[in-house]
């Protein structure tokens, strides 16, 4: 499997977006959990480009603008027309007093606080300020960020944000940006497939960045959401292929699952999957990365990286040969959904 192999998002229009099989997730470059030096950030971006990666994702949330700002010089080096870029709307960054800074999981951030705004003016302002941080670059894909219950705190709060998006003009803003050609595709970047399914019932979206909800551990999305995506030719950008870490580290003490310490049932399931992988001389992390690309709706997978070495590791994992017998054994032992398309299947 070659990292530079391409697939298309938004094939329904005259401006489809070609996405390399592996993309670059920009959250770590916002200093997620730890500070990343500027030189390392630029080396990571350059290594991704040099390895053939042409799809890059970022967002205002990531380091309160720091990730987007770090993308700007890299895009200048690459040339905006040589890559596909996505960013997100829904969070405005507002100057504030030091005690008001809302860094979430990011460190060493600018003196800003987040204001959620999914209105028409909020979407337009968010995109305009993102372009400024990106050095004037336009996005190919514009995603509504975090309208899911996981991010908003409850199903009720999620529903309120979705209503805001449609009742206060945010969706109209996205549609206008797409119709004008400013962006080629619109969608949402979220941590739950359920809200994506809800959005598909309300509007015309081209794709979704889904973090952690279709992985070697979780395939509930196969019951209704992914078949709906196939029937409507809606593409999935797959973030979080390691479920926050456990599918990369294995079931070690303190392993992270869904941004928290993994509970024992998850640890036990991962141990069982690890045993199957070991029987086939395959690293768990390679199986996790390649599994998600077996589904035809998944157009690209975007693991993050904070160094050139991590980029090289991700590329090598994508290209690791995996025997078909591993995938069949996972199904035989009921460790994956019976309807899960496996990478060796057409």
C-alpha atoms as a PDB file:
ATOM      1  CA  UNK A   1       0.000   0.000   0.000  1.00  0.00           C
ATOM      2  CA  UNK A   2       1.636   3.216  -1.166  1.00  0.00           C
ATOM      3  CA  UNK A   3       1.194   6.395   0.847  1.00  0.00           C
ATOM      4  CA  UNK A   4       0.891   8.476  -2.326  1.00  0.00           C
ATOM      5  CA  UNK A   5      -1.895   6.366  -3.832  1.00  0.00           C
ATOM      6  CA  UNK A   6      -4.903   8.652  -4.231  1.00  0.00           C
ATOM      7  CA  UNK A   7      -8.628   8.371  -3.853  1.00  0.00           C
ATOM      8  CA  UNK A   8     -11.296  11.012  -4.422  1.00  0.00           C
ATOM      9  CA  UNK A   9     -13.504  12.898  -2.012  1.00  0.00           C
ATOM     10  CA  UNK A  10     -16.615  14.601  -3.411  1.00  0.00           C
ATOM     11  CA  UNK A  11     -16.769  12.779  -6.736  1.00  0.00           C
ATOM     12  CA  UNK A  12     -20.258  14.165  -7.300  1.00  0.00           C
ATOM     13  CA  UNK A  13     -19.023  17.558  -8.447  1.00  0.00           C
ATOM     14  CA  UNK A  14     -16.713  18.913 -11.119  1.00  0.00           C
ATOM     15  CA  UNK A  15     -14.075  19.587  -8.452  1.00  0.00           C
ATOM     16  CA  UNK A  16     -13.319  16.351  -6.608  1.00  0.00           C
ATOM     17  CA  UNK A  17     -10.551  16.410  -4.013  1.00  0.00           C
ATOM     18  CA  UNK A  18      -7.735  13.871  -4.484  1.00  0.00           C
ATOM     19  CA  UNK A  19      -6.538  12.530  -1.139  1.00  0.00           C
ATOM     20  CA  UNK A  20      -3.417  10.475  -0.608  1.00  0.00           C
ATOM     21  CA  UNK A  21      -4.003   7.199   1.244  1.00  0.00           C
ATOM     22  CA  UNK A  22      -2.195   8.693   4.206  1.00  0.00           C
ATOM     23  CA  UNK A  23      -2.642  12.301   5.239  1.00  0.00           C
ATOM     24  CA  UNK A  24      -1.049  14.425   7.923  1.00  0.00           C
ATOM     25  CA  UNK A  25      -3.015  15.256  11.077  1.00  0.00           C
ATOM     26  CA  UNK A  26      -2.040  18.660  12.417  1.00  0.00           C
ATOM     27  CA  UNK A  27      -3.279  18.481  16.025  1.00  0.00           C
ATOM     28  CA  UNK A  28       0.122  17.514  17.511  1.00  0.00           C
ATOM     29  CA  UNK A  29       1.706  20.583  15.909  1.00  0.00           C
ATOM     30  CA  UNK A  30      -0.544  22.705  18.108  1.00  0.00           C
ATOM     31  CA  UNK A  31       1.481  21.403  21.087  1.00  0.00           C
ATOM     32  CA  UNK A  32      -0.967  18.667  22.004  1.00  0.00           C
ATOM     33  CA  UNK A  33      -0.011  17.520  25.529  1.00  0.00           C
ATOM     34  CA  UNK A  34       3.582  18.749  25.081  1.00  0.00           C
ATOM     35  CA  UNK A  35       5.520  21.549  23.436  1.00  0.00           C
ATOM     36  CA  UNK A  36       6.864  20.941  19.938  1.00  0.00           C
ATOM     37  CA  UNK A  37       9.712  23.125  18.744  1.00  0.00           C
ATOM     38  CA  UNK A  38       9.124  25.092  15.552  1.00  0.00           C
ATOM     39  CA  UNK A  39      12.046  23.386  13.805  1.00  0.00           C
ATOM     40  CA  UNK A  40      10.606  19.950  14.596  1.00  0.00           C
ATOM     41  CA  UNK A  41       7.183  21.030  13.371  1.00  0.00           C
ATOM     42  CA  UNK A  42       8.610  22.205  10.054  1.00  0.00           C
ATOM     43  CA  UNK A  43      10.693  19.033   9.729  1.00  0.00           C
ATOM     44  CA  UNK A  44       7.571  16.929  10.275  1.00  0.00           C
ATOM     45  CA  UNK A  45       5.622  18.772   7.609  1.00  0.00           C
ATOM     46  CA  UNK A  46       8.526  18.633   5.180  1.00  0.00           C
ATOM     47  CA  UNK A  47       9.055  14.911   5.771  1.00  0.00           C
ATOM     48  CA  UNK A  48       5.387  14.247   5.077  1.00  0.00           C
ATOM     49  CA  UNK A  49       5.618  16.099   1.782  1.00  0.00           C
ATOM     50  CA  UNK A  50       8.876  14.371   0.860  1.00  0.00           C
ATOM     51  CA  UNK A  51       7.284  10.965   1.507  1.00  0.00           C
ATOM     52  CA  UNK A  52       4.478  11.736  -0.940  1.00  0.00           C
ATOM     53  CA  UNK A  53       1.774  12.838   1.497  1.00  0.00           C
ATOM     54  CA  UNK A  54      -0.346  15.531  -0.104  1.00  0.00           C
ATOM     55  CA  UNK A  55      -3.313  15.881   2.251  1.00  0.00           C
ATOM     56  CA  UNK A  56      -2.877  18.010   5.388  1.00  0.00           C
ATOM     57  CA  UNK A  57      -5.456  18.734   8.105  1.00  0.00           C
ATOM     58  CA  UNK A  58      -5.472  21.411  10.783  1.00  0.00           C
ATOM     59  CA  UNK A  59      -7.921  23.516  12.838  1.00  0.00           C
ATOM     60  CA  UNK A  60      -8.105  26.751  14.871  1.00  0.00           C
ATOM     61  CA  UNK A  61      -8.494  24.687  18.047  1.00  0.00           C
ATOM     62  CA  UNK A  62      -5.110  23.028  17.643  1.00  0.00           C
ATOM     63  CA  UNK A  63      -2.936  25.147  19.903  1.00  0.00           C
ATOM     64  CA  UNK A  64      -5.328  28.112  19.622  1.00  0.00           C
ATOM     65  CA  UNK A  65      -4.100  28.827  16.114  1.00  0.00           C
ATOM     66  CA  UNK A  66      -0.527  27.602  16.514  1.00  0.00           C
ATOM     67  CA  UNK A  67      -0.972  24.578  14.241  1.00  0.00           C
ATOM     68  CA  UNK A  68      -2.392  26.701  11.413  1.00  0.00           C
ATOM     69  CA  UNK A  69       0.398  29.246  11.849  1.00  0.00           C
ATOM     70  CA  UNK A  70       2.987  26.474  11.557  1.00  0.00           C
ATOM     71  CA  UNK A  71       1.377  25.226   8.372  1.00  0.00           C
ATOM     72  CA  UNK A  72       1.806  28.612   6.683  1.00  0.00           C
ATOM     73  CA  UNK A  73       5.565  28.487   5.938  1.00  0.00           C
ATOM     74  CA  UNK A  74       5.326  24.839   4.904  1.00  0.00           C
ATOM     75  CA  UNK A  75       2.547  25.613   2.424  1.00  0.00           C
ATOM     76  CA  UNK A  76       4.706  28.437   1.122  1.00  0.00           C
ATOM     77  CA  UNK A  77       7.523  25.970   0.479  1.00  0.00           C
ATOM     78  CA  UNK A  78       5.310  23.297  -1.065  1.00  0.00           C
ATOM     79  CA  UNK A  79       3.121  25.600  -3.151  1.00  0.00           C
ATOM     80  CA  UNK A  80      -0.582  25.741  -2.288  1.00  0.00           C
ATOM     81  CA  UNK A  81      -1.549  24.025  -5.529  1.00  0.00           C
ATOM     82  CA  UNK A  82       0.524  20.939  -4.740  1.00  0.00           C
ATOM     83  CA  UNK A  83      -1.430  19.836  -1.655  1.00  0.00           C
ATOM     84  CA  UNK A  84      -4.976  19.419  -0.390  1.00  0.00           C
ATOM     85  CA  UNK A  85      -5.763  21.211   2.839  1.00  0.00           C
ATOM     86  CA  UNK A  86      -8.583  21.046   5.363  1.00  0.00           C
ATOM     87  CA  UNK A  87      -9.346  23.240   8.313  1.00  0.00           C
ATOM     88  CA  UNK A  88     -12.356  23.709  10.526  1.00  0.00           C
ATOM     89  CA  UNK A  89     -14.980  26.188  11.690  1.00  0.00           C
ATOM     90  CA  UNK A  90     -17.013  26.507  14.868  1.00  0.00           C
ATOM     91  CA  UNK A  91     -14.412  27.874  17.274  1.00  0.00           C
ATOM     92  CA  UNK A  92     -13.501  31.564  17.175  1.00  0.00           C
ATOM     93  CA  UNK A  93     -10.270  32.605  18.878  1.00  0.00           C
ATOM     94  CA  UNK A  94     -10.685  35.790  20.904  1.00  0.00           C
ATOM     95  CA  UNK A  95      -8.001  37.892  22.622  1.00  0.00           C
ATOM     96  CA  UNK A  96      -8.313  37.630  26.376  1.00  0.00           C
ATOM     97  CA  UNK A  97      -6.676  38.089  29.757  1.00  0.00           C
ATOM     98  CA  UNK A  98      -4.133  35.430  30.804  1.00  0.00           C
ATOM     99  CA  UNK A  99      -6.516  33.769  33.262  1.00  0.00           C
ATOM    100  CA  UNK A 100      -9.170  33.402  30.532  1.00  0.00           C
ATOM    101  CA  UNK A 101      -7.034  31.339  28.119  1.00  0.00           C
ATOM    102  CA  UNK A 102      -8.765  28.067  27.151  1.00  0.00           C
ATOM    103  CA  UNK A 103      -5.971  25.752  26.013  1.00  0.00           C
ATOM    104  CA  UNK A 104      -7.914  22.482  26.422  1.00  0.00           C
ATOM    105  CA  UNK A 105      -5.258  19.756  25.920  1.00  0.00           C
ATOM    106  CA  UNK A 106      -2.665  22.070  24.337  1.00  0.00           C
ATOM    107  CA  UNK A 107       0.328  23.708  25.985  1.00  0.00           C
ATOM    108  CA  UNK A 108       2.349  26.879  25.297  1.00  0.00           C
ATOM    109  CA  UNK A 109      -0.539  28.509  23.449  1.00  0.00           C
ATOM    110  CA  UNK A 110      -1.246  32.117  22.412  1.00  0.00           C
ATOM    111  CA  UNK A 111      -3.280  34.321  24.759  1.00  0.00           C
ATOM    112  CA  UNK A 112      -6.673  33.422  23.327  1.00  0.00           C
ATOM    113  CA  UNK A 113      -9.949  31.948  24.492  1.00  0.00           C
ATOM    114  CA  UNK A 114     -12.368  29.843  22.487  1.00  0.00           C
ATOM    115  CA  UNK A 115     -15.886  30.980  21.641  1.00  0.00           C
ATOM    116  CA  UNK A 116     -18.104  28.413  19.941  1.00  0.00           C
ATOM    117  CA  UNK A 117     -20.024  29.964  17.046  1.00  0.00           C
ATOM    118  CA  UNK A 118     -21.789  27.991  14.305  1.00  0.00           C
ATOM    119  CA  UNK A 119     -23.739  30.959  12.888  1.00  0.00           C
ATOM    120  CA  UNK A 120     -23.337  32.379   9.374  1.00  0.00           C
ATOM    121  CA  UNK A 121     -21.093  35.198  10.568  1.00  0.00           C
ATOM    122  CA  UNK A 122     -19.201  32.838  12.867  1.00  0.00           C
ATOM    123  CA  UNK A 123     -18.392  30.404  10.070  1.00  0.00           C
ATOM    124  CA  UNK A 124     -17.321  33.172   7.703  1.00  0.00           C
ATOM    125  CA  UNK A 125     -15.170  34.878  10.339  1.00  0.00           C
ATOM    126  CA  UNK A 126     -13.607  31.585  11.397  1.00  0.00           C
ATOM    127  CA  UNK A 127     -12.640  30.722   7.839  1.00  0.00           C
ATOM    128  CA  UNK A 128     -11.315  34.236   7.153  1.00  0.00           C
ATOM    129  CA  UNK A 129      -9.072  34.204  10.231  1.00  0.00           C
ATOM    130  CA  UNK A 130      -7.901  30.672   9.454  1.00  0.00           C
ATOM    131  CA  UNK A 131      -6.796  31.841   6.029  1.00  0.00           C
ATOM    132  CA  UNK A 132      -4.846  34.657   7.663  1.00  0.00           C
ATOM    133  CA  UNK A 133      -3.048  32.215   9.957  1.00  0.00           C
ATOM    134  CA  UNK A 134      -2.422  29.912   6.988  1.00  0.00           C
ATOM    135  CA  UNK A 135      -0.621  32.666   5.114  1.00  0.00           C
ATOM    136  CA  UNK A 136      -3.528  33.310   2.773  1.00  0.00           C
ATOM    137  CA  UNK A 137      -3.999  29.701   1.677  1.00  0.00           C
ATOM    138  CA  UNK A 138      -7.537  28.542   0.926  1.00  0.00           C
ATOM    139  CA  UNK A 139      -8.918  25.264   2.210  1.00  0.00           C
ATOM    140  CA  UNK A 140      -9.980  22.513  -0.147  1.00  0.00           C
ATOM    141  CA  UNK A 141     -12.155  20.958   2.568  1.00  0.00           C
ATOM    142  CA  UNK A 142     -13.930  22.958   5.281  1.00  0.00           C
ATOM    143  CA  UNK A 143     -15.236  21.027   8.266  1.00  0.00           C
ATOM    144  CA  UNK A 144     -17.662  21.968  11.043  1.00  0.00           C
ATOM    145  CA  UNK A 145     -15.741  21.142  14.188  1.00  0.00           C
ATOM    146  CA  UNK A 146     -16.981  19.217  17.223  1.00  0.00           C
ATOM    147  CA  UNK A 147     -20.764  19.406  17.145  1.00  0.00           C
ATOM    148  CA  UNK A 148     -20.801  15.918  18.699  1.00  0.00           C
ATOM    149  CA  UNK A 149     -21.955  15.027  22.208  1.00  0.00           C
ATOM    150  CA  UNK A 150     -18.417  13.946  23.132  1.00  0.00           C
ATOM    151  CA  UNK A 151     -17.121  17.487  22.577  1.00  0.00           C
ATOM    152  CA  UNK A 152     -20.192  19.437  23.656  1.00  0.00           C
ATOM    153  CA  UNK A 153     -20.798  17.483  26.839  1.00  0.00           C
ATOM    154  CA  UNK A 154     -24.220  15.953  26.184  1.00  0.00           C
ATOM    155  CA  UNK A 155     -26.629  14.876  23.472  1.00  0.00           C
ATOM    156  CA  UNK A 156     -28.790  17.903  24.241  1.00  0.00           C
ATOM    157  CA  UNK A 157     -25.867  20.287  23.819  1.00  0.00           C
ATOM    158  CA  UNK A 158     -24.901  18.574  20.571  1.00  0.00           C
ATOM    159  CA  UNK A 159     -28.449  18.932  19.245  1.00  0.00           C
ATOM    160  CA  UNK A 160     -28.398  22.619  20.161  1.00  0.00           C
ATOM    161  CA  UNK A 161     -25.187  23.157  18.172  1.00  0.00           C
ATOM    162  CA  UNK A 162     -26.628  21.335  15.170  1.00  0.00           C
ATOM    163  CA  UNK A 163     -29.736  23.532  15.339  1.00  0.00           C
ATOM    164  CA  UNK A 164     -27.484  26.594  15.543  1.00  0.00           C
ATOM    165  CA  UNK A 165     -25.613  25.451  12.452  1.00  0.00           C
ATOM    166  CA  UNK A 166     -28.804  25.196  10.414  1.00  0.00           C
ATOM    167  CA  UNK A 167     -31.065  27.806  12.010  1.00  0.00           C
ATOM    168  CA  UNK A 168     -28.467  30.586  12.290  1.00  0.00           C
ATOM    169  CA  UNK A 169     -26.931  30.209   8.858  1.00  0.00           C
ATOM    170  CA  UNK A 170     -23.707  28.285   9.427  1.00  0.00           C
ATOM    171  CA  UNK A 171     -24.666  25.609   6.939  1.00  0.00           C
ATOM    172  CA  UNK A 172     -25.674  28.304   4.441  1.00  0.00           C
ATOM    173  CA  UNK A 173     -22.225  29.861   4.815  1.00  0.00           C
ATOM    174  CA  UNK A 174     -20.555  26.514   4.117  1.00  0.00           C
ATOM    175  CA  UNK A 175     -22.790  25.961   1.080  1.00  0.00           C
ATOM    176  CA  UNK A 176     -21.984  29.435  -0.279  1.00  0.00           C
ATOM    177  CA  UNK A 177     -18.255  28.874   0.115  1.00  0.00           C
ATOM    178  CA  UNK A 178     -18.574  25.592  -1.786  1.00  0.00           C
ATOM    179  CA  UNK A 179     -20.842  27.026  -4.486  1.00  0.00           C
ATOM    180  CA  UNK A 180     -18.460  29.928  -5.075  1.00  0.00           C
ATOM    181  CA  UNK A 181     -15.513  27.572  -5.497  1.00  0.00           C
ATOM    182  CA  UNK A 182     -13.690  28.968  -2.475  1.00  0.00           C
ATOM    183  CA  UNK A 183     -13.702  25.436  -1.038  1.00  0.00           C
ATOM    184  CA  UNK A 184     -14.271  22.181  -2.903  1.00  0.00           C
ATOM    185  CA  UNK A 185     -15.960  20.136  -0.175  1.00  0.00           C
ATOM    186  CA  UNK A 186     -17.730  20.613   3.154  1.00  0.00           C
ATOM    187  CA  UNK A 187     -18.308  18.291   6.066  1.00  0.00           C
ATOM    188  CA  UNK A 188     -17.719  17.898   9.786  1.00  0.00           C
ATOM    189  CA  UNK A 189     -14.835  16.862  11.993  1.00  0.00           C
ATOM    190  CA  UNK A 190     -16.161  15.004  15.038  1.00  0.00           C
ATOM    191  CA  UNK A 191     -15.568  12.160  17.488  1.00  0.00           C
ATOM    192  CA  UNK A 192     -18.887  10.333  16.933  1.00  0.00           C
ATOM    193  CA  UNK A 193     -20.499   8.829  13.852  1.00  0.00           C
ATOM    194  CA  UNK A 194     -24.035   9.356  15.169  1.00  0.00           C
ATOM    195  CA  UNK A 195     -23.954  13.120  14.654  1.00  0.00           C
ATOM    196  CA  UNK A 196     -22.574  12.593  11.141  1.00  0.00           C
ATOM    197  CA  UNK A 197     -25.587  10.444  10.354  1.00  0.00           C
ATOM    198  CA  UNK A 198     -27.819  13.182  11.760  1.00  0.00           C
ATOM    199  CA  UNK A 199     -26.100  15.826   9.625  1.00  0.00           C
ATOM    200  CA  UNK A 200     -26.587  13.719   6.502  1.00  0.00           C
ATOM    201  CA  UNK A 201     -30.316  13.842   7.183  1.00  0.00           C
ATOM    202  CA  UNK A 202     -30.242  17.643   7.277  1.00  0.00           C
ATOM    203  CA  UNK A 203     -27.829  18.771   4.579  1.00  0.00           C
ATOM    204  CA  UNK A 204     -25.641  17.943   1.610  1.00  0.00           C
ATOM    205  CA  UNK A 205     -22.211  17.083   2.984  1.00  0.00           C
ATOM    206  CA  UNK A 206     -19.291  15.682   1.026  1.00  0.00           C
ATOM    207  CA  UNK A 207     -17.376  13.938   3.771  1.00  0.00           C
ATOM    208  CA  UNK A 208     -16.555  13.658   7.445  1.00  0.00           C
ATOM    209  CA  UNK A 209     -13.384  13.552   9.486  1.00  0.00           C
ATOM    210  CA  UNK A 210     -14.269  10.832  11.969  1.00  0.00           C
ATOM    211  CA  UNK A 211     -11.870  10.408  14.893  1.00  0.00           C
ATOM    212  CA  UNK A 212     -11.588   7.008  16.530  1.00  0.00           C
ATOM    213  CA  UNK A 213     -15.005   5.564  15.743  1.00  0.00           C
ATOM    214  CA  UNK A 214     -14.047   3.115  13.022  1.00  0.00           C
ATOM    215  CA  UNK A 215     -10.981   1.218  14.150  1.00  0.00           C
ATOM    216  CA  UNK A 216      -9.670  -2.273  14.780  1.00  0.00           C
ATOM    217  CA  UNK A 217     -11.479  -1.980  18.129  1.00  0.00           C
ATOM    218  CA  UNK A 218     -14.732  -0.315  17.047  1.00  0.00           C
ATOM    219  CA  UNK A 219     -16.917  -1.019  14.038  1.00  0.00           C
ATOM    220  CA  UNK A 220     -20.409  -0.062  15.222  1.00  0.00           C
ATOM    221  CA  UNK A 221     -20.504   2.501  12.412  1.00  0.00           C
ATOM    222  CA  UNK A 222     -20.917  -0.416   9.989  1.00  0.00           C
ATOM    223  CA  UNK A 223     -24.485  -1.007  11.170  1.00  0.00           C
ATOM    224  CA  UNK A 224     -25.967   2.088   9.538  1.00  0.00           C
ATOM    225  CA  UNK A 225     -23.624   5.036   9.057  1.00  0.00           C
ATOM    226  CA  UNK A 226     -20.949   3.652   6.749  1.00  0.00           C
ATOM    227  CA  UNK A 227     -23.497   1.948   4.456  1.00  0.00           C
ATOM    228  CA  UNK A 228     -25.264   5.329   4.225  1.00  0.00           C
ATOM    229  CA  UNK A 229     -21.961   6.962   3.282  1.00  0.00           C
ATOM    230  CA  UNK A 230     -21.440   4.394   0.533  1.00  0.00           C
ATOM    231  CA  UNK A 231     -24.934   4.861  -0.861  1.00  0.00           C
ATOM    232  CA  UNK A 232     -24.529   8.653  -0.952  1.00  0.00           C
ATOM    233  CA  UNK A 233     -20.874   8.688  -2.018  1.00  0.00           C
ATOM    234  CA  UNK A 234     -19.792  10.469   1.149  1.00  0.00           C
ATOM    235  CA  UNK A 235     -16.134  10.007   2.039  1.00  0.00           C
ATOM    236  CA  UNK A 236     -14.541   9.434   5.429  1.00  0.00           C
ATOM    237  CA  UNK A 237     -11.246  10.951   6.541  1.00  0.00           C
ATOM    238  CA  UNK A 238     -10.210   8.598   9.339  1.00  0.00           C
ATOM    239  CA  UNK A 239      -8.558  10.212  12.334  1.00  0.00           C
ATOM    240  CA  UNK A 240      -7.538   8.462  15.536  1.00  0.00           C
ATOM    241  CA  UNK A 241      -6.849   5.017  14.022  1.00  0.00           C
ATOM    242  CA  UNK A 242      -5.188   3.981  17.292  1.00  0.00           C
ATOM    243  CA  UNK A 243      -8.145   4.892  19.559  1.00  0.00           C
ATOM    244  CA  UNK A 244      -6.047   7.542  21.366  1.00  0.00           C
ATOM    245  CA  UNK A 245      -3.054   5.249  21.704  1.00  0.00           C
ATOM    246  CA  UNK A 246      -3.901   1.732  22.819  1.00  0.00           C
ATOM    247  CA  UNK A 247      -3.734   0.287  19.298  1.00  0.00           C
ATOM    248  CA  UNK A 248      -0.261   1.774  18.970  1.00  0.00           C
ATOM    249  CA  UNK A 249       1.152   0.851  22.385  1.00  0.00           C
ATOM    250  CA  UNK A 250      -0.767  -2.345  22.968  1.00  0.00           C
ATOM    251  CA  UNK A 251      -2.377  -3.249  26.282  1.00  0.00           C
ATOM    252  CA  UNK A 252       0.383  -1.811  28.452  1.00  0.00           C
ATOM    253  CA  UNK A 253      -0.266  -0.335  31.906  1.00  0.00           C
ATOM    254  CA  UNK A 254      -1.760   3.133  31.528  1.00  0.00           C
ATOM    255  CA  UNK A 255      -2.613   2.629  27.857  1.00  0.00           C
ATOM    256  CA  UNK A 256      -4.938   5.355  26.588  1.00  0.00           C
ATOM    257  CA  UNK A 257      -8.325   4.677  25.025  1.00  0.00           C
ATOM    258  CA  UNK A 258     -10.652   7.463  23.947  1.00  0.00           C
ATOM    259  CA  UNK A 259      -8.425  10.094  25.636  1.00  0.00           C
ATOM    260  CA  UNK A 260      -8.464   8.307  28.996  1.00  0.00           C
ATOM    261  CA  UNK A 261      -6.908   5.302  30.723  1.00  0.00           C
ATOM    262  CA  UNK A 262      -8.232   2.157  29.057  1.00  0.00           C
ATOM    263  CA  UNK A 263     -10.682   0.078  31.119  1.00  0.00           C
ATOM    264  CA  UNK A 264     -10.000  -3.613  31.654  1.00  0.00           C
ATOM    265  CA  UNK A 265     -12.494  -4.931  29.035  1.00  0.00           C
ATOM    266  CA  UNK A 266     -10.736  -2.845  26.365  1.00  0.00           C
ATOM    267  CA  UNK A 267      -7.311  -3.988  27.575  1.00  0.00           C
ATOM    268  CA  UNK A 268      -8.399  -7.607  27.390  1.00  0.00           C
ATOM    269  CA  UNK A 269      -9.796  -7.237  23.874  1.00  0.00           C
ATOM    270  CA  UNK A 270      -6.586  -5.584  22.713  1.00  0.00           C
ATOM    271  CA  UNK A 271      -4.533  -8.403  24.246  1.00  0.00           C
ATOM    272  CA  UNK A 272      -6.538 -10.885  22.205  1.00  0.00           C
ATOM    273  CA  UNK A 273      -6.071  -8.893  18.996  1.00  0.00           C
ATOM    274  CA  UNK A 274      -2.367  -8.550  19.787  1.00  0.00           C
ATOM    275  CA  UNK A 275      -2.084 -12.321  20.103  1.00  0.00           C
ATOM    276  CA  UNK A 276      -3.538 -12.815  16.627  1.00  0.00           C
ATOM    277  CA  UNK A 277      -1.174 -10.212  15.214  1.00  0.00           C
ATOM    278  CA  UNK A 278       1.800 -11.854  16.939  1.00  0.00           C
ATOM    279  CA  UNK A 279       0.840 -15.222  15.466  1.00  0.00           C
ATOM    280  CA  UNK A 280       1.203 -13.627  12.037  1.00  0.00           C
ATOM    281  CA  UNK A 281       4.407 -11.702  12.862  1.00  0.00           C
ATOM    282  CA  UNK A 282       2.551  -8.424  12.358  1.00  0.00           C
ATOM    283  CA  UNK A 283       2.811  -5.377  14.624  1.00  0.00           C
ATOM    284  CA  UNK A 284      -0.525  -4.428  16.137  1.00  0.00           C
ATOM    285  CA  UNK A 285       0.030  -0.801  15.160  1.00  0.00           C
ATOM    286  CA  UNK A 286       0.471  -1.702  11.474  1.00  0.00           C
ATOM    287  CA  UNK A 287      -2.693  -3.791  11.484  1.00  0.00           C
ATOM    288  CA  UNK A 288      -4.624  -0.953  13.135  1.00  0.00           C
ATOM    289  CA  UNK A 289      -3.410   1.591  10.599  1.00  0.00           C
ATOM    290  CA  UNK A 290      -4.151  -0.539   7.545  1.00  0.00           C
ATOM    291  CA  UNK A 291      -7.449  -2.027   8.746  1.00  0.00           C
ATOM    292  CA  UNK A 292      -9.375   1.228   8.431  1.00  0.00           C
ATOM    293  CA  UNK A 293      -8.436   1.606   4.757  1.00  0.00           C
ATOM    294  CA  UNK A 294     -10.195  -1.648   3.960  1.00  0.00           C
ATOM    295  CA  UNK A 295     -13.542   0.136   3.941  1.00  0.00           C
ATOM    296  CA  UNK A 296     -14.350   1.804   0.598  1.00  0.00           C
ATOM    297  CA  UNK A 297     -15.861   4.872   2.298  1.00  0.00           C
ATOM    298  CA  UNK A 298     -12.549   5.585   4.071  1.00  0.00           C
ATOM    299  CA  UNK A 299     -10.565   7.765   1.686  1.00  0.00           C
ATOM    300  CA  UNK A 300      -7.516   8.501   3.829  1.00  0.00           C
ATOM    301  CA  UNK A 301      -6.097   7.944   7.306  1.00  0.00           C
ATOM    302  CA  UNK A 302      -4.354  10.798   9.137  1.00  0.00           C
ATOM    303  CA  UNK A 303      -2.084   9.825  12.016  1.00  0.00           C
ATOM    304  CA  UNK A 304      -0.289  12.726  13.635  1.00  0.00           C
ATOM    305  CA  UNK A 305       3.471  13.221  13.953  1.00  0.00           C
ATOM    306  CA  UNK A 306       5.760  15.643  15.774  1.00  0.00           C
ATOM    307  CA  UNK A 307       9.041  14.753  14.083  1.00  0.00           C
ATOM    308  CA  UNK A 308      10.412  13.625  10.743  1.00  0.00           C
ATOM    309  CA  UNK A 309      11.166  10.255  12.331  1.00  0.00           C
ATOM    310  CA  UNK A 310       7.529   9.761  13.352  1.00  0.00           C
ATOM    311  CA  UNK A 311       6.410  10.561   9.811  1.00  0.00           C
ATOM    312  CA  UNK A 312       8.828   7.959   8.447  1.00  0.00           C
ATOM    313  CA  UNK A 313       7.517   5.414  10.960  1.00  0.00           C
ATOM    314  CA  UNK A 314       3.908   6.048   9.903  1.00  0.00           C
ATOM    315  CA  UNK A 315       4.814   5.604   6.249  1.00  0.00           C
ATOM    316  CA  UNK A 316       6.663   2.354   6.989  1.00  0.00           C
ATOM    317  CA  UNK A 317       3.680   1.039   8.969  1.00  0.00           C
ATOM    318  CA  UNK A 318       1.338   1.728   6.066  1.00  0.00           C
ATOM    319  CA  UNK A 319       3.667  -0.221   3.773  1.00  0.00           C
ATOM    320  CA  UNK A 320       4.206  -3.185   6.136  1.00  0.00           C
ATOM    321  CA  UNK A 321       3.121  -6.415   4.400  1.00  0.00           C
ATOM    322  CA  UNK A 322       0.225  -8.047   6.250  1.00  0.00           C
ATOM    323  CA  UNK A 323      -0.880 -11.603   5.384  1.00  0.00           C
ATOM    324  CA  UNK A 324      -4.504 -12.070   4.385  1.00  0.00           C
ATOM    325  CA  UNK A 325      -4.701 -14.850   6.950  1.00  0.00           C
ATOM    326  CA  UNK A 326      -4.425 -12.289   9.766  1.00  0.00           C
ATOM    327  CA  UNK A 327      -7.572 -10.528   8.625  1.00  0.00           C
ATOM    328  CA  UNK A 328      -9.452 -13.798   8.170  1.00  0.00           C
ATOM    329  CA  UNK A 329      -8.399 -15.004  11.626  1.00  0.00           C
ATOM    330  CA  UNK A 330      -9.659 -11.800  13.206  1.00  0.00           C
ATOM    331  CA  UNK A 331     -13.047 -12.468  11.636  1.00  0.00           C
ATOM    332  CA  UNK A 332     -13.010 -16.158  12.544  1.00  0.00           C
ATOM    333  CA  UNK A 333     -12.364 -15.271  16.182  1.00  0.00           C
ATOM    334  CA  UNK A 334     -15.134 -12.605  16.102  1.00  0.00           C
ATOM    335  CA  UNK A 335     -12.664  -9.844  16.894  1.00  0.00           C
ATOM    336  CA  UNK A 336     -14.003  -7.618  14.136  1.00  0.00           C
ATOM    337  CA  UNK A 337     -17.491  -6.999  12.782  1.00  0.00           C
ATOM    338  CA  UNK A 338     -18.582  -9.783  10.395  1.00  0.00           C
ATOM    339  CA  UNK A 339     -19.370  -7.202   7.698  1.00  0.00           C
ATOM    340  CA  UNK A 340     -16.078  -5.313   8.013  1.00  0.00           C
ATOM    341  CA  UNK A 341     -14.368  -5.067   4.603  1.00  0.00           C
ATOM    342  CA  UNK A 342     -10.798  -6.238   5.018  1.00  0.00           C
ATOM    343  CA  UNK A 343      -7.830  -4.658   3.259  1.00  0.00           C
ATOM    344  CA  UNK A 344      -7.236  -7.607   0.974  1.00  0.00           C
ATOM    345  CA  UNK A 345     -10.827  -7.572  -0.251  1.00  0.00           C
ATOM    346  CA  UNK A 346     -11.743  -5.514  -3.366  1.00  0.00           C
END
